[in-house]
C-alpha cells in the first residue's frame, strides 16, 4: 500500500469508529437511560442488551480505531448496524428515521470494507503481523 492509501485507511478507520466510540461511551455512562431506550423498543433483557451495546460500540469502536482484530470486529459492527437499523429506525415515513436507517446502512458498508480489506499498514493488526504474532483474525 502506498502512503496515501495508508493515510486514507487510517483516517477512514478513525471516522468510522467515532460514532461507535461516542455512542458506546454514552451508553456506558448512562446505563438507566440506555436500558429505558431498549425497553421502549420492547427488547427483552435490557441489562444484558446494555452490556452488549457497550461492548460492541465502545469495544468495537476502539478496536477499529486502533486497527486491532478489525476483520472479525468489522463483521460484528456491520451486523450491529443492520440489527439496530431494523430495531430502531424502521419507520421510514419519518424523515429522521429514514436518515438514521440510511446512516446505519452506510456504516454497514464501511464496516464491510474493513472486514474485506483489513486495517491497513498503520494498525495494530499490521504491527502484529510484522512481529510474527498474526492470528487467524488477519
N, C-alpha and C. Protein backbone atom coordinates (compact mmCIF):
# COMPACT_ATOMS: atom_id res chain seq x y z
N UNK A 1 0.83 -1.18 0.00
CA UNK A 1 0.00 0.00 0.00
C UNK A 1 0.88 1.24 0.00
N UNK A 2 0.49 2.23 -0.70
CA UNK A 2 1.23 3.49 -0.76
C UNK A 2 0.86 4.37 0.43
N UNK A 3 1.68 5.40 0.66
CA UNK A 3 1.46 6.31 1.77
C UNK A 3 0.08 6.94 1.78
N UNK A 4 -0.41 7.35 0.59
CA UNK A 4 -1.74 7.95 0.51
C UNK A 4 -2.82 6.95 0.90
N UNK A 5 -2.66 5.71 0.46
CA UNK A 5 -3.63 4.68 0.82
C UNK A 5 -3.58 4.38 2.32
N UNK A 6 -2.37 4.33 2.88
CA UNK A 6 -2.24 4.10 4.31
C UNK A 6 -2.92 5.21 5.11
N UNK A 7 -2.68 6.45 4.69
CA UNK A 7 -3.28 7.59 5.38
C UNK A 7 -4.80 7.55 5.25
N UNK A 8 -5.29 7.29 4.05
CA UNK A 8 -6.74 7.24 3.83
C UNK A 8 -7.38 6.12 4.65
N UNK A 9 -6.71 4.97 4.73
CA UNK A 9 -7.23 3.86 5.51
C UNK A 9 -7.29 4.23 6.98
N UNK A 10 -6.25 4.87 7.49
CA UNK A 10 -6.23 5.29 8.89
C UNK A 10 -7.33 6.32 9.16
N UNK A 11 -7.43 7.34 8.32
CA UNK A 11 -8.46 8.37 8.52
C UNK A 11 -9.85 7.74 8.42
N UNK A 12 -10.02 6.83 7.49
CA UNK A 12 -11.30 6.13 7.36
C UNK A 12 -11.66 5.35 8.61
N UNK A 13 -10.69 4.65 9.18
CA UNK A 13 -10.93 3.91 10.43
C UNK A 13 -11.29 4.85 11.57
N UNK A 14 -10.58 5.98 11.65
CA UNK A 14 -10.86 6.96 12.70
C UNK A 14 -12.29 7.47 12.58
N UNK A 15 -12.66 7.89 11.37
CA UNK A 15 -14.00 8.43 11.17
C UNK A 15 -15.09 7.38 11.37
N UNK A 16 -14.83 6.17 10.93
CA UNK A 16 -15.80 5.09 11.07
C UNK A 16 -16.00 4.72 12.54
N UNK A 17 -14.95 4.84 13.33
CA UNK A 17 -15.03 4.43 14.73
C UNK A 17 -15.66 5.48 15.64
N UNK A 18 -15.66 6.75 15.23
CA UNK A 18 -16.11 7.83 16.11
C UNK A 18 -17.53 7.65 16.64
N UNK A 19 -18.47 7.37 15.76
CA UNK A 19 -19.85 7.21 16.18
C UNK A 19 -20.00 6.06 17.18
N UNK A 20 -19.29 4.97 16.93
CA UNK A 20 -19.36 3.82 17.83
C UNK A 20 -18.73 4.14 19.18
N UNK A 21 -17.57 4.78 19.18
CA UNK A 21 -16.90 5.10 20.44
C UNK A 21 -17.76 6.08 21.26
N UNK A 22 -18.22 7.14 20.63
CA UNK A 22 -19.04 8.12 21.36
C UNK A 22 -20.36 7.52 21.83
N UNK A 23 -20.99 6.74 20.97
CA UNK A 23 -22.25 6.09 21.35
C UNK A 23 -22.05 5.09 22.47
N UNK A 24 -21.00 4.28 22.38
CA UNK A 24 -20.72 3.29 23.42
C UNK A 24 -20.37 3.95 24.74
N UNK A 25 -19.59 5.04 24.70
CA UNK A 25 -19.24 5.78 25.91
C UNK A 25 -20.50 6.36 26.56
N UNK A 26 -21.36 6.92 25.73
CA UNK A 26 -22.61 7.46 26.25
C UNK A 26 -23.47 6.40 26.92
N UNK A 27 -23.52 5.23 26.33
CA UNK A 27 -24.29 4.13 26.91
C UNK A 27 -23.64 3.64 28.21
N UNK A 28 -22.31 3.61 28.25
CA UNK A 28 -21.60 3.20 29.46
C UNK A 28 -21.89 4.16 30.61
N UNK A 29 -21.93 5.45 30.30
CA UNK A 29 -22.12 6.48 31.33
C UNK A 29 -23.58 6.67 31.73
N UNK A 30 -24.51 6.16 30.93
CA UNK A 30 -25.94 6.34 31.22
C UNK A 30 -26.68 5.01 31.09
N UNK A 31 -26.37 4.05 31.96
CA UNK A 31 -26.99 2.73 31.82
C UNK A 31 -28.52 2.77 31.95
N UNK A 32 -29.05 3.57 32.87
CA UNK A 32 -30.51 3.60 33.05
C UNK A 32 -31.20 4.15 31.80
N UNK A 33 -30.66 5.21 31.23
CA UNK A 33 -31.26 5.79 30.03
C UNK A 33 -31.17 4.81 28.86
N UNK A 34 -30.05 4.14 28.74
CA UNK A 34 -29.88 3.16 27.65
C UNK A 34 -30.86 2.01 27.82
N UNK A 35 -30.98 1.52 29.05
CA UNK A 35 -31.91 0.40 29.29
C UNK A 35 -33.36 0.83 29.06
N UNK A 36 -33.70 2.05 29.40
CA UNK A 36 -35.05 2.55 29.13
C UNK A 36 -35.30 2.64 27.63
N UNK A 37 -34.30 3.07 26.88
CA UNK A 37 -34.44 3.13 25.42
C UNK A 37 -34.64 1.72 24.84
N UNK A 38 -33.86 0.77 25.34
CA UNK A 38 -34.02 -0.61 24.88
C UNK A 38 -35.41 -1.14 25.21
N UNK A 39 -35.88 -0.84 26.42
CA UNK A 39 -37.22 -1.28 26.83
C UNK A 39 -38.29 -0.63 25.97
N UNK A 40 -38.07 0.62 25.54
CA UNK A 40 -39.06 1.30 24.71
C UNK A 40 -39.23 0.63 23.34
N UNK A 41 -38.25 -0.16 22.96
CA UNK A 41 -38.34 -0.92 21.70
C UNK A 41 -38.81 -2.35 21.96
N UNK A 42 -39.32 -2.58 23.17
CA UNK A 42 -39.85 -3.90 23.57
C UNK A 42 -38.81 -5.00 23.48
N UNK A 43 -37.56 -4.67 23.77
CA UNK A 43 -36.50 -5.68 23.75
C UNK A 43 -36.42 -6.36 25.12
N UNK A 44 -36.19 -7.67 25.12
CA UNK A 44 -36.06 -8.38 26.40
C UNK A 44 -34.65 -8.18 26.99
N UNK A 45 -34.49 -8.49 28.24
CA UNK A 45 -33.18 -8.50 28.92
C UNK A 45 -32.41 -7.20 28.67
N UNK A 46 -32.99 -6.09 29.08
CA UNK A 46 -32.39 -4.80 28.78
C UNK A 46 -31.02 -4.61 29.45
N UNK A 47 -30.81 -5.25 30.60
CA UNK A 47 -29.49 -5.14 31.23
C UNK A 47 -28.42 -5.81 30.36
N UNK A 48 -28.74 -7.00 29.88
CA UNK A 48 -27.80 -7.71 29.01
C UNK A 48 -27.63 -6.95 27.69
N UNK A 49 -28.71 -6.36 27.20
CA UNK A 49 -28.63 -5.56 25.98
C UNK A 49 -27.71 -4.36 26.16
N UNK A 50 -27.79 -3.73 27.33
CA UNK A 50 -26.91 -2.60 27.64
C UNK A 50 -25.45 -3.03 27.61
N UNK A 51 -25.14 -4.15 28.26
CA UNK A 51 -23.76 -4.66 28.27
C UNK A 51 -23.30 -4.96 26.86
N UNK A 52 -24.14 -5.63 26.08
CA UNK A 52 -23.79 -5.96 24.70
C UNK A 52 -23.55 -4.70 23.88
N UNK A 53 -24.41 -3.70 24.05
CA UNK A 53 -24.25 -2.45 23.30
C UNK A 53 -22.94 -1.76 23.65
N UNK A 54 -22.58 -1.73 24.92
CA UNK A 54 -21.32 -1.10 25.33
C UNK A 54 -20.13 -1.86 24.76
N UNK A 55 -20.18 -3.18 24.82
CA UNK A 55 -19.08 -3.99 24.29
C UNK A 55 -18.92 -3.78 22.79
N UNK A 56 -20.03 -3.90 22.05
CA UNK A 56 -19.95 -3.78 20.60
C UNK A 56 -19.57 -2.36 20.19
N UNK A 57 -20.22 -1.36 20.78
CA UNK A 57 -20.00 0.01 20.32
C UNK A 57 -18.68 0.58 20.84
N UNK A 58 -18.46 0.53 22.13
CA UNK A 58 -17.22 1.10 22.68
C UNK A 58 -16.03 0.20 22.36
N UNK A 59 -16.16 -1.09 22.67
CA UNK A 59 -15.06 -2.02 22.40
C UNK A 59 -14.78 -2.15 20.92
N UNK A 60 -15.83 -2.32 20.13
CA UNK A 60 -15.65 -2.45 18.68
C UNK A 60 -15.12 -1.17 18.06
N UNK A 61 -15.62 -0.04 18.52
CA UNK A 61 -15.13 1.24 18.01
C UNK A 61 -13.65 1.44 18.30
N UNK A 62 -13.23 1.11 19.51
CA UNK A 62 -11.80 1.24 19.86
C UNK A 62 -10.94 0.27 19.06
N UNK A 63 -11.44 -0.95 18.85
CA UNK A 63 -10.69 -1.93 18.05
C UNK A 63 -10.52 -1.44 16.62
N UNK A 64 -11.57 -0.88 16.04
CA UNK A 64 -11.48 -0.34 14.68
C UNK A 64 -10.51 0.85 14.67
N UNK A 65 -10.62 1.74 15.65
CA UNK A 65 -9.75 2.90 15.73
C UNK A 65 -8.27 2.50 15.73
N UNK A 66 -7.92 1.55 16.57
CA UNK A 66 -6.52 1.15 16.69
C UNK A 66 -6.11 0.08 15.69
N UNK A 67 -7.08 -0.43 14.94
CA UNK A 67 -6.76 -1.43 13.92
C UNK A 67 -6.41 -2.79 14.52
N UNK A 68 -7.17 -3.22 15.49
CA UNK A 68 -6.91 -4.49 16.17
C UNK A 68 -8.07 -5.45 15.94
N UNK A 69 -7.77 -6.60 15.35
CA UNK A 69 -8.77 -7.62 15.03
C UNK A 69 -9.90 -7.05 14.17
N UNK A 70 -9.54 -6.20 13.22
CA UNK A 70 -10.57 -5.45 12.50
C UNK A 70 -11.44 -6.30 11.59
N UNK A 71 -10.93 -7.40 11.10
CA UNK A 71 -11.81 -8.20 10.22
C UNK A 71 -12.99 -8.78 10.99
N UNK A 72 -12.78 -9.52 12.07
CA UNK A 72 -13.96 -10.02 12.80
C UNK A 72 -14.76 -8.90 13.45
N UNK A 73 -14.08 -7.88 13.98
CA UNK A 73 -14.79 -6.77 14.61
C UNK A 73 -15.61 -6.00 13.56
N UNK A 74 -15.05 -5.79 12.39
CA UNK A 74 -15.78 -5.12 11.32
C UNK A 74 -17.04 -5.87 10.94
N UNK A 75 -16.95 -7.19 10.91
CA UNK A 75 -18.12 -8.01 10.59
C UNK A 75 -19.19 -7.87 11.67
N UNK A 76 -18.78 -7.93 12.93
CA UNK A 76 -19.72 -7.77 14.04
C UNK A 76 -20.37 -6.39 14.00
N UNK A 77 -19.58 -5.36 13.75
CA UNK A 77 -20.11 -4.00 13.68
C UNK A 77 -21.09 -3.84 12.52
N UNK A 78 -20.82 -4.49 11.41
CA UNK A 78 -21.74 -4.44 10.27
C UNK A 78 -23.08 -5.07 10.64
N UNK A 79 -23.04 -6.23 11.28
CA UNK A 79 -24.27 -6.89 11.73
C UNK A 79 -25.01 -6.01 12.73
N UNK A 80 -24.25 -5.38 13.64
CA UNK A 80 -24.84 -4.49 14.64
C UNK A 80 -25.59 -3.34 13.98
N UNK A 81 -24.99 -2.76 12.96
CA UNK A 81 -25.63 -1.63 12.26
C UNK A 81 -26.94 -2.05 11.60
N UNK A 82 -26.96 -3.21 10.99
CA UNK A 82 -28.19 -3.70 10.36
C UNK A 82 -29.24 -3.99 11.44
N UNK A 83 -28.83 -4.67 12.51
CA UNK A 83 -29.78 -5.01 13.58
C UNK A 83 -30.38 -3.76 14.21
N UNK A 84 -29.54 -2.78 14.53
CA UNK A 84 -30.07 -1.57 15.17
C UNK A 84 -30.94 -0.76 14.20
N UNK A 85 -30.62 -0.80 12.92
CA UNK A 85 -31.47 -0.12 11.94
C UNK A 85 -32.85 -0.77 11.90
N UNK A 86 -32.87 -2.10 11.92
CA UNK A 86 -34.14 -2.81 11.84
C UNK A 86 -34.95 -2.69 13.13
N UNK A 87 -34.28 -2.50 14.25
CA UNK A 87 -34.98 -2.36 15.53
C UNK A 87 -35.44 -0.93 15.77
N UNK A 88 -34.57 0.03 15.52
CA UNK A 88 -34.84 1.40 15.97
C UNK A 88 -35.17 2.40 14.87
N UNK A 89 -34.96 2.04 13.62
CA UNK A 89 -35.10 3.06 12.56
C UNK A 89 -35.93 2.57 11.38
N UNK A 90 -36.96 1.79 11.66
CA UNK A 90 -37.74 1.21 10.57
C UNK A 90 -38.92 2.06 10.13
N UNK A 91 -39.24 3.10 10.86
CA UNK A 91 -40.36 3.96 10.47
C UNK A 91 -39.88 4.92 9.38
N UNK A 92 -39.80 4.42 8.16
CA UNK A 92 -39.24 5.20 7.06
C UNK A 92 -40.15 6.33 6.59
N UNK A 93 -41.37 6.39 7.10
CA UNK A 93 -42.24 7.53 6.80
C UNK A 93 -41.78 8.77 7.57
N UNK A 94 -41.05 8.55 8.66
CA UNK A 94 -40.46 9.64 9.44
C UNK A 94 -39.09 9.95 8.84
N UNK A 95 -38.90 11.16 8.38
CA UNK A 95 -37.65 11.55 7.68
C UNK A 95 -36.41 11.32 8.55
N UNK A 96 -36.50 11.61 9.85
CA UNK A 96 -35.36 11.40 10.75
C UNK A 96 -35.03 9.91 10.84
N UNK A 97 -36.06 9.08 10.94
CA UNK A 97 -35.83 7.64 10.99
C UNK A 97 -35.23 7.13 9.69
N UNK A 98 -35.71 7.67 8.59
CA UNK A 98 -35.17 7.28 7.28
C UNK A 98 -33.68 7.64 7.19
N UNK A 99 -33.33 8.84 7.63
CA UNK A 99 -31.92 9.26 7.60
C UNK A 99 -31.08 8.36 8.49
N UNK A 100 -31.57 8.05 9.69
CA UNK A 100 -30.83 7.17 10.59
C UNK A 100 -30.71 5.76 10.03
N UNK A 101 -31.76 5.27 9.38
CA UNK A 101 -31.69 3.96 8.74
C UNK A 101 -30.60 3.95 7.67
N UNK A 102 -30.61 4.98 6.82
CA UNK A 102 -29.62 5.05 5.75
C UNK A 102 -28.20 5.26 6.31
N UNK A 103 -28.08 6.02 7.40
CA UNK A 103 -26.78 6.18 8.06
C UNK A 103 -26.26 4.82 8.51
N UNK A 104 -27.14 4.02 9.10
CA UNK A 104 -26.73 2.68 9.53
C UNK A 104 -26.31 1.81 8.35
N UNK A 105 -27.02 1.94 7.23
CA UNK A 105 -26.65 1.15 6.06
C UNK A 105 -25.30 1.61 5.51
N UNK A 106 -25.05 2.92 5.54
CA UNK A 106 -23.74 3.43 5.12
C UNK A 106 -22.63 2.92 6.02
N UNK A 107 -22.87 2.94 7.33
CA UNK A 107 -21.88 2.39 8.27
C UNK A 107 -21.66 0.90 8.02
N UNK A 108 -22.74 0.18 7.71
CA UNK A 108 -22.62 -1.24 7.40
C UNK A 108 -21.66 -1.43 6.22
N UNK A 109 -21.82 -0.62 5.19
CA UNK A 109 -20.92 -0.70 4.04
C UNK A 109 -19.47 -0.43 4.43
N UNK A 110 -19.26 0.58 5.26
CA UNK A 110 -17.90 0.89 5.71
C UNK A 110 -17.30 -0.25 6.50
N UNK A 111 -18.08 -0.83 7.41
CA UNK A 111 -17.56 -1.94 8.21
C UNK A 111 -17.32 -3.18 7.36
N UNK A 112 -18.12 -3.37 6.31
CA UNK A 112 -17.86 -4.50 5.40
C UNK A 112 -16.57 -4.28 4.62
N UNK A 113 -16.25 -3.04 4.29
CA UNK A 113 -14.95 -2.75 3.67
C UNK A 113 -13.81 -3.12 4.62
N UNK A 114 -13.96 -2.74 5.87
CA UNK A 114 -12.93 -3.08 6.87
C UNK A 114 -12.81 -4.59 6.99
N UNK A 115 -13.94 -5.27 7.02
CA UNK A 115 -13.94 -6.73 7.08
C UNK A 115 -13.22 -7.33 5.87
N UNK A 116 -13.50 -6.79 4.70
CA UNK A 116 -12.93 -7.35 3.47
C UNK A 116 -11.45 -7.03 3.29
N UNK A 117 -11.03 -5.80 3.65
CA UNK A 117 -9.69 -5.37 3.30
C UNK A 117 -8.75 -5.20 4.49
N UNK A 118 -9.26 -5.32 5.70
CA UNK A 118 -8.40 -5.22 6.87
C UNK A 118 -8.13 -3.79 7.27
N UNK A 119 -7.20 -3.64 8.20
CA UNK A 119 -6.94 -2.35 8.85
C UNK A 119 -5.94 -1.49 8.11
N UNK A 120 -5.17 -2.06 7.24
CA UNK A 120 -4.13 -1.30 6.56
C UNK A 120 -2.80 -1.37 7.30
N UNK A 121 -1.80 -0.74 6.73
CA UNK A 121 -0.43 -0.84 7.24
C UNK A 121 -0.23 -0.11 8.55
N UNK A 122 -1.01 0.93 8.79
CA UNK A 122 -0.84 1.71 10.02
C UNK A 122 -1.87 1.26 11.05
N UNK A 123 -1.66 0.06 11.59
CA UNK A 123 -2.62 -0.53 12.51
C UNK A 123 -1.91 -1.53 13.43
N UNK A 124 -2.56 -1.86 14.51
CA UNK A 124 -2.02 -2.90 15.40
C UNK A 124 -2.03 -4.27 14.74
N UNK A 125 -3.02 -4.52 13.88
CA UNK A 125 -3.02 -5.79 13.16
C UNK A 125 -1.77 -5.93 12.29
N UNK A 126 -1.42 -4.88 11.56
CA UNK A 126 -0.22 -4.92 10.71
C UNK A 126 1.03 -5.05 11.57
N UNK A 127 1.08 -4.35 12.69
CA UNK A 127 2.22 -4.46 13.61
C UNK A 127 2.35 -5.88 14.12
N UNK A 128 1.21 -6.51 14.49
CA UNK A 128 1.24 -7.90 14.96
C UNK A 128 1.75 -8.83 13.87
N UNK A 129 1.34 -8.59 12.64
CA UNK A 129 1.79 -9.44 11.53
C UNK A 129 3.30 -9.28 11.31
N UNK A 130 3.78 -8.05 11.36
CA UNK A 130 5.22 -7.81 11.19
C UNK A 130 6.02 -8.47 12.31
N UNK A 131 5.48 -8.52 13.48
CA UNK A 131 6.17 -9.10 14.63
C UNK A 131 5.99 -10.61 14.68
N UNK A 132 5.23 -11.17 13.76
CA UNK A 132 5.05 -12.61 13.71
C UNK A 132 3.96 -13.11 14.64
N UNK A 133 3.17 -12.20 15.19
CA UNK A 133 2.12 -12.60 16.11
C UNK A 133 0.75 -12.66 15.49
N UNK A 134 0.71 -12.79 14.17
CA UNK A 134 -0.58 -12.79 13.49
C UNK A 134 -1.37 -14.03 13.90
N UNK A 135 -2.64 -13.81 14.12
CA UNK A 135 -3.55 -14.89 14.44
C UNK A 135 -4.49 -15.03 13.25
N UNK A 136 -5.33 -16.01 13.29
CA UNK A 136 -6.23 -16.27 12.17
C UNK A 136 -7.14 -15.08 11.85
N UNK A 137 -7.23 -14.09 12.75
CA UNK A 137 -8.11 -12.95 12.52
C UNK A 137 -7.68 -12.15 11.30
N UNK A 138 -6.45 -12.14 10.94
CA UNK A 138 -5.97 -11.36 9.80
C UNK A 138 -5.67 -12.31 8.69
